[in-house]
Every structure is written in C-alpha cells, then in structure tokens.
PDB file of all heavy atoms in Angstrom:
ATOM      1  N   VAL A   1      -3.169 -56.249 -39.025  1.00  0.00           N
ATOM      2  CA  VAL A   1      -1.841 -56.680 -39.466  1.00  0.00           C
ATOM      3  C   VAL A   1      -0.886 -55.532 -39.169  1.00  0.00           C
ATOM      4  O   VAL A   1      -0.984 -54.464 -39.783  1.00  0.00           O
ATOM      5  CB  VAL A   1      -1.819 -57.049 -40.958  1.00  0.00           C
ATOM      6  CG1 VAL A   1      -0.412 -57.454 -41.369  1.00  0.00           C
ATOM      7  CG2 VAL A   1      -2.792 -58.170 -41.246  1.00  0.00           C
ATOM      8  N   LEU A   2       0.012 -55.752 -38.204  1.00  0.00           N
ATOM      9  CA  LEU A   2       0.962 -54.694 -37.837  1.00  0.00           C
ATOM     10  C   LEU A   2       2.091 -54.576 -38.847  1.00  0.00           C
ATOM     11  O   LEU A   2       2.585 -53.469 -39.104  1.00  0.00           O
ATOM     12  CB  LEU A   2       1.553 -54.994 -36.445  1.00  0.00           C
ATOM     13  CG  LEU A   2       0.564 -55.116 -35.288  1.00  0.00           C
ATOM     14  CD1 LEU A   2       1.314 -55.417 -34.009  1.00  0.00           C
ATOM     15  CD2 LEU A   2      -0.261 -53.853 -35.145  1.00  0.00           C
ATOM     16  N   GLY A   3       2.513 -55.690 -39.400  1.00  0.00           N
ATOM     17  CA  GLY A   3       3.627 -55.648 -40.346  1.00  0.00           C
ATOM     18  C   GLY A   3       3.854 -57.007 -40.979  1.00  0.00           C
ATOM     19  O   GLY A   3       3.330 -58.027 -40.521  1.00  0.00           O
ATOM     20  N   VAL A   4       4.636 -56.990 -42.054  1.00  0.00           N
ATOM     21  CA  VAL A   4       4.959 -58.206 -42.781  1.00  0.00           C
ATOM     22  C   VAL A   4       6.463 -58.231 -43.042  1.00  0.00           C
ATOM     23  O   VAL A   4       7.047 -57.202 -43.438  1.00  0.00           O
ATOM     24  CB  VAL A   4       4.215 -58.278 -44.136  1.00  0.00           C
ATOM     25  CG1 VAL A   4       4.621 -59.537 -44.896  1.00  0.00           C
ATOM     26  CG2 VAL A   4       2.710 -58.249 -43.923  1.00  0.00           C
ATOM     27  N   SER A   5       7.093 -59.356 -42.780  1.00  0.00           N
ATOM     28  CA  SER A   5       8.517 -59.502 -43.082  1.00  0.00           C
ATOM     29  C   SER A   5       8.697 -60.625 -44.093  1.00  0.00           C
ATOM     30  O   SER A   5       7.958 -61.610 -44.096  1.00  0.00           O
ATOM     31  CB  SER A   5       9.328 -59.787 -41.816  1.00  0.00           C
ATOM     32  OG  SER A   5       8.943 -61.010 -41.232  1.00  0.00           O
ATOM     33  N   ARG A   6       9.681 -60.446 -44.951  1.00  0.00           N
ATOM     34  CA  ARG A   6       9.985 -61.405 -46.012  1.00  0.00           C
ATOM     35  C   ARG A   6      11.496 -61.422 -46.176  1.00  0.00           C
ATOM     36  O   ARG A   6      12.177 -60.442 -45.878  1.00  0.00           O
ATOM     37  CB  ARG A   6       9.296 -60.966 -47.306  1.00  0.00           C
ATOM     38  CG  ARG A   6       9.418 -61.943 -48.463  1.00  0.00           C
ATOM     39  CD  ARG A   6       8.715 -61.377 -49.704  1.00  0.00           C
ATOM     40  NE  ARG A   6       7.260 -61.265 -49.529  1.00  0.00           N
ATOM     41  CZ  ARG A   6       6.471 -60.618 -50.385  1.00  0.00           C
ATOM     42  NH1 ARG A   6       6.980 -60.010 -51.434  1.00  0.00           N
ATOM     43  NH2 ARG A   6       5.173 -60.579 -50.164  1.00  0.00           N
ATOM     44  N   ARG A   7      12.034 -62.543 -46.611  1.00  0.00           N
ATOM     45  CA  ARG A   7      13.499 -62.637 -46.774  1.00  0.00           C
ATOM     46  C   ARG A   7      14.017 -61.553 -47.713  1.00  0.00           C
ATOM     47  O   ARG A   7      15.087 -60.994 -47.505  1.00  0.00           O
ATOM     48  CB  ARG A   7      13.870 -64.015 -47.305  1.00  0.00           C
ATOM     49  CG  ARG A   7      13.701 -65.117 -46.257  1.00  0.00           C
ATOM     50  CD  ARG A   7      13.975 -66.488 -46.818  1.00  0.00           C
ATOM     51  NE  ARG A   7      13.732 -67.529 -45.828  1.00  0.00           N
ATOM     52  CZ  ARG A   7      13.704 -68.825 -46.100  1.00  0.00           C
ATOM     53  NH1 ARG A   7      13.898 -69.228 -47.348  1.00  0.00           N
ATOM     54  NH2 ARG A   7      13.484 -69.696 -45.160  1.00  0.00           N
ATOM     55  N   THR A   8      13.276 -61.286 -48.757  1.00  0.00           N
ATOM     56  CA  THR A   8      13.571 -60.104 -49.567  1.00  0.00           C
ATOM     57  C   THR A   8      12.564 -59.034 -49.175  1.00  0.00           C
ATOM     58  O   THR A   8      11.443 -59.355 -48.772  1.00  0.00           O
ATOM     59  CB  THR A   8      13.416 -60.425 -51.067  1.00  0.00           C
ATOM     60  OG1 THR A   8      12.090 -60.916 -51.301  1.00  0.00           O
ATOM     61  CG2 THR A   8      14.423 -61.480 -51.498  1.00  0.00           C
ATOM     62  N   ASN A   9      12.951 -57.781 -49.230  1.00  0.00           N
ATOM     63  CA  ASN A   9      12.077 -56.721 -48.754  1.00  0.00           C
ATOM     64  C   ASN A   9      10.734 -56.739 -49.477  1.00  0.00           C
ATOM     65  O   ASN A   9      10.689 -56.760 -50.703  1.00  0.00           O
ATOM     66  CB  ASN A   9      12.731 -55.346 -48.956  1.00  0.00           C
ATOM     67  CG  ASN A   9      13.773 -55.058 -47.901  1.00  0.00           C
ATOM     68  OD1 ASN A   9      13.692 -55.575 -46.791  1.00  0.00           O
ATOM     69  ND2 ASN A   9      14.766 -54.257 -48.252  1.00  0.00           N
ATOM     70  N   PRO A  10       9.609 -56.709 -48.732  1.00  0.00           N
ATOM     71  CA  PRO A  10       8.286 -56.661 -49.370  1.00  0.00           C
ATOM     72  C   PRO A  10       8.158 -55.434 -50.266  1.00  0.00           C
ATOM     73  O   PRO A  10       8.655 -54.353 -49.949  1.00  0.00           O
ATOM     74  CB  PRO A  10       7.334 -56.573 -48.173  1.00  0.00           C
ATOM     75  CG  PRO A  10       8.094 -57.143 -47.025  1.00  0.00           C
ATOM     76  CD  PRO A  10       9.514 -56.784 -47.279  1.00  0.00           C
ATOM     77  N   ALA A  11       7.475 -55.619 -51.412  1.00  0.00           N
ATOM     78  CA  ALA A  11       7.430 -54.576 -52.422  1.00  0.00           C
ATOM     79  C   ALA A  11       6.502 -53.431 -52.055  1.00  0.00           C
ATOM     80  O   ALA A  11       6.815 -52.281 -52.231  1.00  0.00           O
ATOM     81  CB  ALA A  11       7.003 -55.172 -53.764  1.00  0.00           C
ATOM     82  N   GLY A  12       5.351 -53.672 -51.583  1.00  0.00           N
ATOM     83  CA  GLY A  12       4.426 -52.574 -51.312  1.00  0.00           C
ATOM     84  C   GLY A  12       3.422 -52.399 -52.438  1.00  0.00           C
ATOM     85  O   GLY A  12       3.049 -53.387 -53.081  1.00  0.00           O
ATOM     86  N   PRO A  13       2.962 -51.183 -52.805  1.00  0.00           N
ATOM     87  CA  PRO A  13       3.507 -49.873 -52.397  1.00  0.00           C
ATOM     88  C   PRO A  13       3.226 -49.523 -50.952  1.00  0.00           C
ATOM     89  O   PRO A  13       3.790 -48.571 -50.419  1.00  0.00           O
ATOM     90  CB  PRO A  13       2.774 -48.906 -53.338  1.00  0.00           C
ATOM     91  CG  PRO A  13       1.471 -49.585 -53.607  1.00  0.00           C
ATOM     92  CD  PRO A  13       1.773 -51.044 -53.655  1.00  0.00           C
ATOM     93  N   ASP A  14       2.280 -50.231 -50.324  1.00  0.00           N
ATOM     94  CA  ASP A  14       2.004 -50.008 -48.918  1.00  0.00           C
ATOM     95  C   ASP A  14       1.637 -51.353 -48.307  1.00  0.00           C
ATOM     96  O   ASP A  14       1.662 -52.387 -48.978  1.00  0.00           O
ATOM     97  CB  ASP A  14       0.907 -48.962 -48.735  1.00  0.00           C
ATOM     98  CG  ASP A  14      -0.386 -49.322 -49.492  1.00  0.00           C
ATOM     99  OD1 ASP A  14      -0.524 -50.504 -49.871  1.00  0.00           O
ATOM    100  OD2 ASP A  14      -1.212 -48.432 -49.708  1.00  0.00           O
ATOM    101  N   LEU A  15       1.285 -51.341 -47.027  1.00  0.00           N
ATOM    102  CA  LEU A  15       1.026 -52.612 -46.345  1.00  0.00           C
ATOM    103  C   LEU A  15      -0.243 -53.274 -46.881  1.00  0.00           C
ATOM    104  O   LEU A  15      -0.262 -54.480 -47.164  1.00  0.00           O
ATOM    105  CB  LEU A  15       0.920 -52.377 -44.836  1.00  0.00           C
ATOM    106  CG  LEU A  15       0.832 -53.620 -43.955  1.00  0.00           C
ATOM    107  CD1 LEU A  15       2.032 -54.525 -44.161  1.00  0.00           C
ATOM    108  CD2 LEU A  15       0.711 -53.223 -42.486  1.00  0.00           C
ATOM    109  N   GLY A  16      -1.302 -52.481 -47.032  1.00  0.00           N
ATOM    110  CA  GLY A  16      -2.550 -53.057 -47.513  1.00  0.00           C
ATOM    111  C   GLY A  16      -2.454 -53.596 -48.930  1.00  0.00           C
ATOM    112  O   GLY A  16      -3.135 -54.559 -49.288  1.00  0.00           O
ATOM    113  N   GLY A  17      -1.586 -53.006 -49.762  1.00  0.00           N
ATOM    114  CA  GLY A  17      -1.447 -53.426 -51.151  1.00  0.00           C
ATOM    115  C   GLY A  17      -0.417 -54.516 -51.367  1.00  0.00           C
ATOM    116  O   GLY A  17      -0.185 -54.934 -52.506  1.00  0.00           O
ATOM    117  N   LEU A  18       0.230 -54.965 -50.294  1.00  0.00           N
ATOM    118  CA  LEU A  18       1.249 -56.008 -50.420  1.00  0.00           C
ATOM    119  C   LEU A  18       0.620 -57.336 -50.826  1.00  0.00           C
ATOM    120  O   LEU A  18      -0.381 -57.768 -50.245  1.00  0.00           O
ATOM    121  CB  LEU A  18       1.975 -56.186 -49.080  1.00  0.00           C
ATOM    122  CG  LEU A  18       2.987 -57.325 -48.998  1.00  0.00           C
ATOM    123  CD1 LEU A  18       4.224 -56.983 -49.794  1.00  0.00           C
ATOM    124  CD2 LEU A  18       3.343 -57.632 -47.559  1.00  0.00           C
ATOM    125  N   ARG A  19       1.176 -57.998 -51.832  1.00  0.00           N
ATOM    126  CA  ARG A  19       0.693 -59.329 -52.244  1.00  0.00           C
ATOM    127  C   ARG A  19       1.481 -60.385 -51.469  1.00  0.00           C
ATOM    128  O   ARG A  19       2.709 -60.403 -51.470  1.00  0.00           O
ATOM    129  CB  ARG A  19       0.856 -59.505 -53.750  1.00  0.00           C
ATOM    130  CG  ARG A  19      -0.068 -58.588 -54.541  1.00  0.00           C
ATOM    131  CD  ARG A  19      -0.125 -58.950 -56.012  1.00  0.00           C
ATOM    132  NE  ARG A  19      -1.044 -58.053 -56.723  1.00  0.00           N
ATOM    133  CZ  ARG A  19      -2.360 -58.257 -56.816  1.00  0.00           C
ATOM    134  NH1 ARG A  19      -2.895 -59.331 -56.257  1.00  0.00           N
ATOM    135  NH2 ARG A  19      -3.123 -57.395 -57.472  1.00  0.00           N
ATOM    136  N   LEU A  20       0.747 -61.239 -50.796  1.00  0.00           N
ATOM    137  CA  LEU A  20       1.341 -62.235 -49.911  1.00  0.00           C
ATOM    138  C   LEU A  20       2.041 -63.333 -50.700  1.00  0.00           C
ATOM    139  O   LEU A  20       1.590 -63.741 -51.762  1.00  0.00           O
ATOM    140  CB  LEU A  20       0.265 -62.835 -49.015  1.00  0.00           C
ATOM    141  CG  LEU A  20      -0.369 -61.865 -47.999  1.00  0.00           C
ATOM    142  CD1 LEU A  20      -1.591 -62.495 -47.358  1.00  0.00           C
ATOM    143  CD2 LEU A  20       0.653 -61.454 -46.950  1.00  0.00           C
ATOM    144  N   LYS A  21       3.145 -63.820 -50.130  1.00  0.00           N
ATOM    145  CA  LYS A  21       3.919 -64.914 -50.711  1.00  0.00           C
ATOM    146  C   LYS A  21       4.114 -65.995 -49.653  1.00  0.00           C
ATOM    147  O   LYS A  21       4.057 -65.725 -48.447  1.00  0.00           O
ATOM    148  CB  LYS A  21       5.285 -64.419 -51.203  1.00  0.00           C
ATOM    149  CG  LYS A  21       5.236 -63.293 -52.230  1.00  0.00           C
ATOM    150  CD  LYS A  21       4.685 -63.768 -53.543  1.00  0.00           C
ATOM    151  CE  LYS A  21       4.708 -62.656 -54.589  1.00  0.00           C
ATOM    152  NZ  LYS A  21       4.072 -63.083 -55.873  1.00  0.00           N
ATOM    153  N   ALA A  22       4.361 -67.209 -50.106  1.00  0.00           N
ATOM    154  CA  ALA A  22       4.665 -68.300 -49.176  1.00  0.00           C
ATOM    155  C   ALA A  22       5.924 -67.947 -48.393  1.00  0.00           C
ATOM    156  O   ALA A  22       6.919 -67.491 -48.954  1.00  0.00           O
ATOM    157  CB  ALA A  22       4.854 -69.604 -49.931  1.00  0.00           C
ATOM    158  N   GLY A  23       5.889 -68.142 -47.096  1.00  0.00           N
ATOM    159  CA  GLY A  23       7.020 -67.826 -46.240  1.00  0.00           C
ATOM    160  C   GLY A  23       6.942 -66.465 -45.596  1.00  0.00           C
ATOM    161  O   GLY A  23       7.765 -66.150 -44.721  1.00  0.00           O
ATOM    162  N   ASP A  24       5.963 -65.616 -46.009  1.00  0.00           N
ATOM    163  CA  ASP A  24       5.816 -64.304 -45.376  1.00  0.00           C
ATOM    164  C   ASP A  24       5.450 -64.466 -43.901  1.00  0.00           C
ATOM    165  O   ASP A  24       4.628 -65.328 -43.543  1.00  0.00           O
ATOM    166  CB  ASP A  24       4.711 -63.491 -46.060  1.00  0.00           C
ATOM    167  CG  ASP A  24       5.174 -62.891 -47.387  1.00  0.00           C
ATOM    168  OD1 ASP A  24       6.380 -63.015 -47.704  1.00  0.00           O
ATOM    169  OD2 ASP A  24       4.336 -62.295 -48.091  1.00  0.00           O
ATOM    170  N   SER A  25       6.048 -63.640 -43.056  1.00  0.00           N
ATOM    171  CA  SER A  25       5.691 -63.603 -41.629  1.00  0.00           C
ATOM    172  C   SER A  25       4.799 -62.398 -41.391  1.00  0.00           C
ATOM    173  O   SER A  25       5.160 -61.278 -41.761  1.00  0.00           O
ATOM    174  CB  SER A  25       6.940 -63.500 -40.763  1.00  0.00           C
ATOM    175  OG  SER A  25       7.697 -64.689 -40.805  1.00  0.00           O
ATOM    176  N   LEU A  26       3.649 -62.632 -40.766  1.00  0.00           N
ATOM    177  CA  LEU A  26       2.705 -61.562 -40.468  1.00  0.00           C
ATOM    178  C   LEU A  26       2.634 -61.349 -38.965  1.00  0.00           C
ATOM    179  O   LEU A  26       2.452 -62.309 -38.201  1.00  0.00           O
ATOM    180  CB  LEU A  26       1.295 -61.911 -40.986  1.00  0.00           C
ATOM    181  CG  LEU A  26       0.963 -61.616 -42.449  1.00  0.00           C
ATOM    182  CD1 LEU A  26       1.814 -62.454 -43.393  1.00  0.00           C
ATOM    183  CD2 LEU A  26      -0.527 -61.850 -42.698  1.00  0.00           C
ATOM    184  N   TRP A  27       2.832 -60.096 -38.558  1.00  0.00           N
ATOM    185  CA  TRP A  27       2.635 -59.726 -37.155  1.00  0.00           C
ATOM    186  C   TRP A  27       1.197 -59.247 -37.029  1.00  0.00           C
ATOM    187  O   TRP A  27       0.812 -58.235 -37.612  1.00  0.00           O
ATOM    188  CB  TRP A  27       3.620 -58.646 -36.750  1.00  0.00           C
ATOM    189  CG  TRP A  27       5.044 -59.067 -36.918  1.00  0.00           C
ATOM    190  CD1 TRP A  27       5.859 -58.824 -37.977  1.00  0.00           C
ATOM    191  CD2 TRP A  27       5.818 -59.830 -36.001  1.00  0.00           C
ATOM    192  NE1 TRP A  27       7.091 -59.388 -37.788  1.00  0.00           N
ATOM    193  CE2 TRP A  27       7.094 -60.011 -36.570  1.00  0.00           C
ATOM    194  CE3 TRP A  27       5.566 -60.382 -34.749  1.00  0.00           C
ATOM    195  CZ2 TRP A  27       8.107 -60.713 -35.938  1.00  0.00           C
ATOM    196  CZ3 TRP A  27       6.574 -61.081 -34.098  1.00  0.00           C
ATOM    197  CH2 TRP A  27       7.826 -61.242 -34.704  1.00  0.00           C
ATOM    198  N   VAL A  28       0.379 -59.979 -36.271  1.00  0.00           N
ATOM    199  CA  VAL A  28      -1.055 -59.744 -36.210  1.00  0.00           C
ATOM    200  C   VAL A  28      -1.462 -59.435 -34.767  1.00  0.00           C
ATOM    201  O   VAL A  28      -1.014 -60.108 -33.830  1.00  0.00           O
ATOM    202  CB  VAL A  28      -1.833 -60.970 -36.717  1.00  0.00           C
ATOM    203  CG1 VAL A  28      -3.326 -60.687 -36.758  1.00  0.00           C
ATOM    204  CG2 VAL A  28      -1.340 -61.391 -38.101  1.00  0.00           C
ATOM    205  N   ALA A  29      -2.314 -58.401 -34.596  1.00  0.00           N
ATOM    206  CA  ALA A  29      -2.790 -58.006 -33.271  1.00  0.00           C
ATOM    207  C   ALA A  29      -4.295 -58.162 -33.202  1.00  0.00           C
ATOM    208  O   ALA A  29      -5.012 -57.924 -34.179  1.00  0.00           O
ATOM    209  CB  ALA A  29      -2.391 -56.557 -32.984  1.00  0.00           C
ATOM    210  N   GLY A  30      -4.793 -58.586 -32.043  1.00  0.00           N
ATOM    211  CA  GLY A  30      -6.224 -58.737 -31.836  1.00  0.00           C
ATOM    212  C   GLY A  30      -6.505 -59.334 -30.478  1.00  0.00           C
ATOM    213  O   GLY A  30      -5.591 -59.516 -29.661  1.00  0.00           O
ATOM    214  N   SER A  31      -7.755 -59.628 -30.219  1.00  0.00           N
ATOM    215  CA  SER A  31      -8.113 -60.256 -28.953  1.00  0.00           C
ATOM    216  C   SER A  31      -7.589 -61.696 -28.931  1.00  0.00           C
ATOM    217  O   SER A  31      -7.271 -62.279 -29.972  1.00  0.00           O
ATOM    218  CB  SER A  31      -9.629 -60.259 -28.769  1.00  0.00           C
ATOM    219  OG  SER A  31     -10.237 -61.086 -29.763  1.00  0.00           O
ATOM    220  N   ARG A  32      -7.516 -62.263 -27.745  1.00  0.00           N
ATOM    221  CA  ARG A  32      -7.038 -63.644 -27.624  1.00  0.00           C
ATOM    222  C   ARG A  32      -7.938 -64.602 -28.390  1.00  0.00           C
ATOM    223  O   ARG A  32      -7.456 -65.532 -29.057  1.00  0.00           O
ATOM    224  CB  ARG A  32      -6.979 -64.048 -26.149  1.00  0.00           C
ATOM    225  CG  ARG A  32      -6.562 -65.484 -25.919  1.00  0.00           C
ATOM    226  CD  ARG A  32      -6.364 -65.785 -24.457  1.00  0.00           C
ATOM    227  NE  ARG A  32      -5.280 -64.994 -23.900  1.00  0.00           N
ATOM    228  CZ  ARG A  32      -4.895 -65.069 -22.612  1.00  0.00           C
ATOM    229  NH1 ARG A  32      -5.515 -65.893 -21.780  1.00  0.00           N
ATOM    230  NH2 ARG A  32      -3.913 -64.317 -22.177  1.00  0.00           N
ATOM    231  N   GLU A  33      -9.254 -64.352 -28.346  1.00  0.00           N
ATOM    232  CA  GLU A  33     -10.189 -65.228 -29.047  1.00  0.00           C
ATOM    233  C   GLU A  33      -9.976 -65.151 -30.554  1.00  0.00           C
ATOM    234  O   GLU A  33     -10.001 -66.176 -31.260  1.00  0.00           O
ATOM    235  CB  GLU A  33     -11.630 -64.839 -28.698  1.00  0.00           C
ATOM    236  CG  GLU A  33     -12.018 -65.073 -27.238  1.00  0.00           C
ATOM    237  CD  GLU A  33     -11.453 -64.018 -26.294  1.00  0.00           C
ATOM    238  OE1 GLU A  33     -11.007 -62.951 -26.801  1.00  0.00           O
ATOM    239  OE2 GLU A  33     -11.417 -64.258 -25.077  1.00  0.00           O
ATOM    240  N   ALA A  34      -9.763 -63.917 -31.078  1.00  0.00           N
ATOM    241  CA  ALA A  34      -9.557 -63.754 -32.513  1.00  0.00           C
ATOM    242  C   ALA A  34      -8.276 -64.436 -32.964  1.00  0.00           C
ATOM    243  O   ALA A  34      -8.221 -65.081 -34.022  1.00  0.00           O
ATOM    244  CB  ALA A  34      -9.541 -62.273 -32.879  1.00  0.00           C
ATOM    245  N   LEU A  35      -7.216 -64.323 -32.161  1.00  0.00           N
ATOM    246  CA  LEU A  35      -5.946 -64.947 -32.523  1.00  0.00           C
ATOM    247  C   LEU A  35      -6.045 -66.472 -32.469  1.00  0.00           C
ATOM    248  O   LEU A  35      -5.460 -67.176 -33.295  1.00  0.00           O
ATOM    249  CB  LEU A  35      -4.828 -64.448 -31.596  1.00  0.00           C
ATOM    250  CG  LEU A  35      -4.433 -62.976 -31.766  1.00  0.00           C
ATOM    251  CD1 LEU A  35      -3.423 -62.574 -30.707  1.00  0.00           C
ATOM    252  CD2 LEU A  35      -3.870 -62.719 -33.153  1.00  0.00           C
ATOM    253  N   GLN A  36      -6.785 -66.987 -31.497  1.00  0.00           N
ATOM    254  CA  GLN A  36      -6.979 -68.439 -31.419  1.00  0.00           C
ATOM    255  C   GLN A  36      -7.753 -68.943 -32.622  1.00  0.00           C
ATOM    256  O   GLN A  36      -7.453 -70.015 -33.175  1.00  0.00           O
ATOM    257  CB  GLN A  36      -7.707 -68.800 -30.120  1.00  0.00           C
ATOM    258  CG  GLN A  36      -6.838 -68.695 -28.876  1.00  0.00           C
ATOM    259  CD  GLN A  36      -7.607 -68.960 -27.600  1.00  0.00           C
ATOM    260  OE1 GLN A  36      -8.839 -68.956 -27.595  1.00  0.00           O
ATOM    261  NE2 GLN A  36      -6.883 -69.182 -26.517  1.00  0.00           N
ATOM    262  N   SER A  37      -8.717 -68.167 -33.069  1.00  0.00           N
ATOM    263  CA  SER A  37      -9.477 -68.540 -34.260  1.00  0.00           C
ATOM    264  C   SER A  37      -8.584 -68.526 -35.493  1.00  0.00           C
ATOM    265  O   SER A  37      -8.686 -69.400 -36.361  1.00  0.00           O
ATOM    266  CB  SER A  37     -10.651 -67.583 -34.446  1.00  0.00           C
ATOM    267  OG  SER A  37     -11.364 -67.875 -35.623  1.00  0.00           O
ATOM    268  N   LEU A  38      -7.678 -67.563 -35.550  1.00  0.00           N
ATOM    269  CA  LEU A  38      -6.746 -67.466 -36.679  1.00  0.00           C
ATOM    270  C   LEU A  38      -5.858 -68.705 -36.758  1.00  0.00           C
ATOM    271  O   LEU A  38      -5.543 -69.200 -37.839  1.00  0.00           O
ATOM    272  CB  LEU A  38      -5.895 -66.199 -36.533  1.00  0.00           C
ATOM    273  CG  LEU A  38      -4.888 -65.896 -37.646  1.00  0.00           C
ATOM    274  CD1 LEU A  38      -5.621 -65.552 -38.941  1.00  0.00           C
ATOM    275  CD2 LEU A  38      -3.969 -64.747 -37.243  1.00  0.00           C
TER     276      LEU A  38
END
C-alpha cells in the first residue's frame, strides 16, 4: 500500500495504523497477477 487518500485527512498515526473507512482510496503496488486477484 503506497498511500491512502480520504476526503478528510487520514488520521494515522502512520500508514500501517490507519483505520480504513468507506470511500478511502488506496494506491496499491504489486505484480499484475496480484493486482488482478485484488
């Protein structure tokens, strides 16, 4: 997970500790096969 964007700034305290909400956009990196599975 490269980053997360939310209409209001994500709280944190860091990326791994961020609690996901409906509407969050996740920028995800991986192989083509992994992304297709996602």
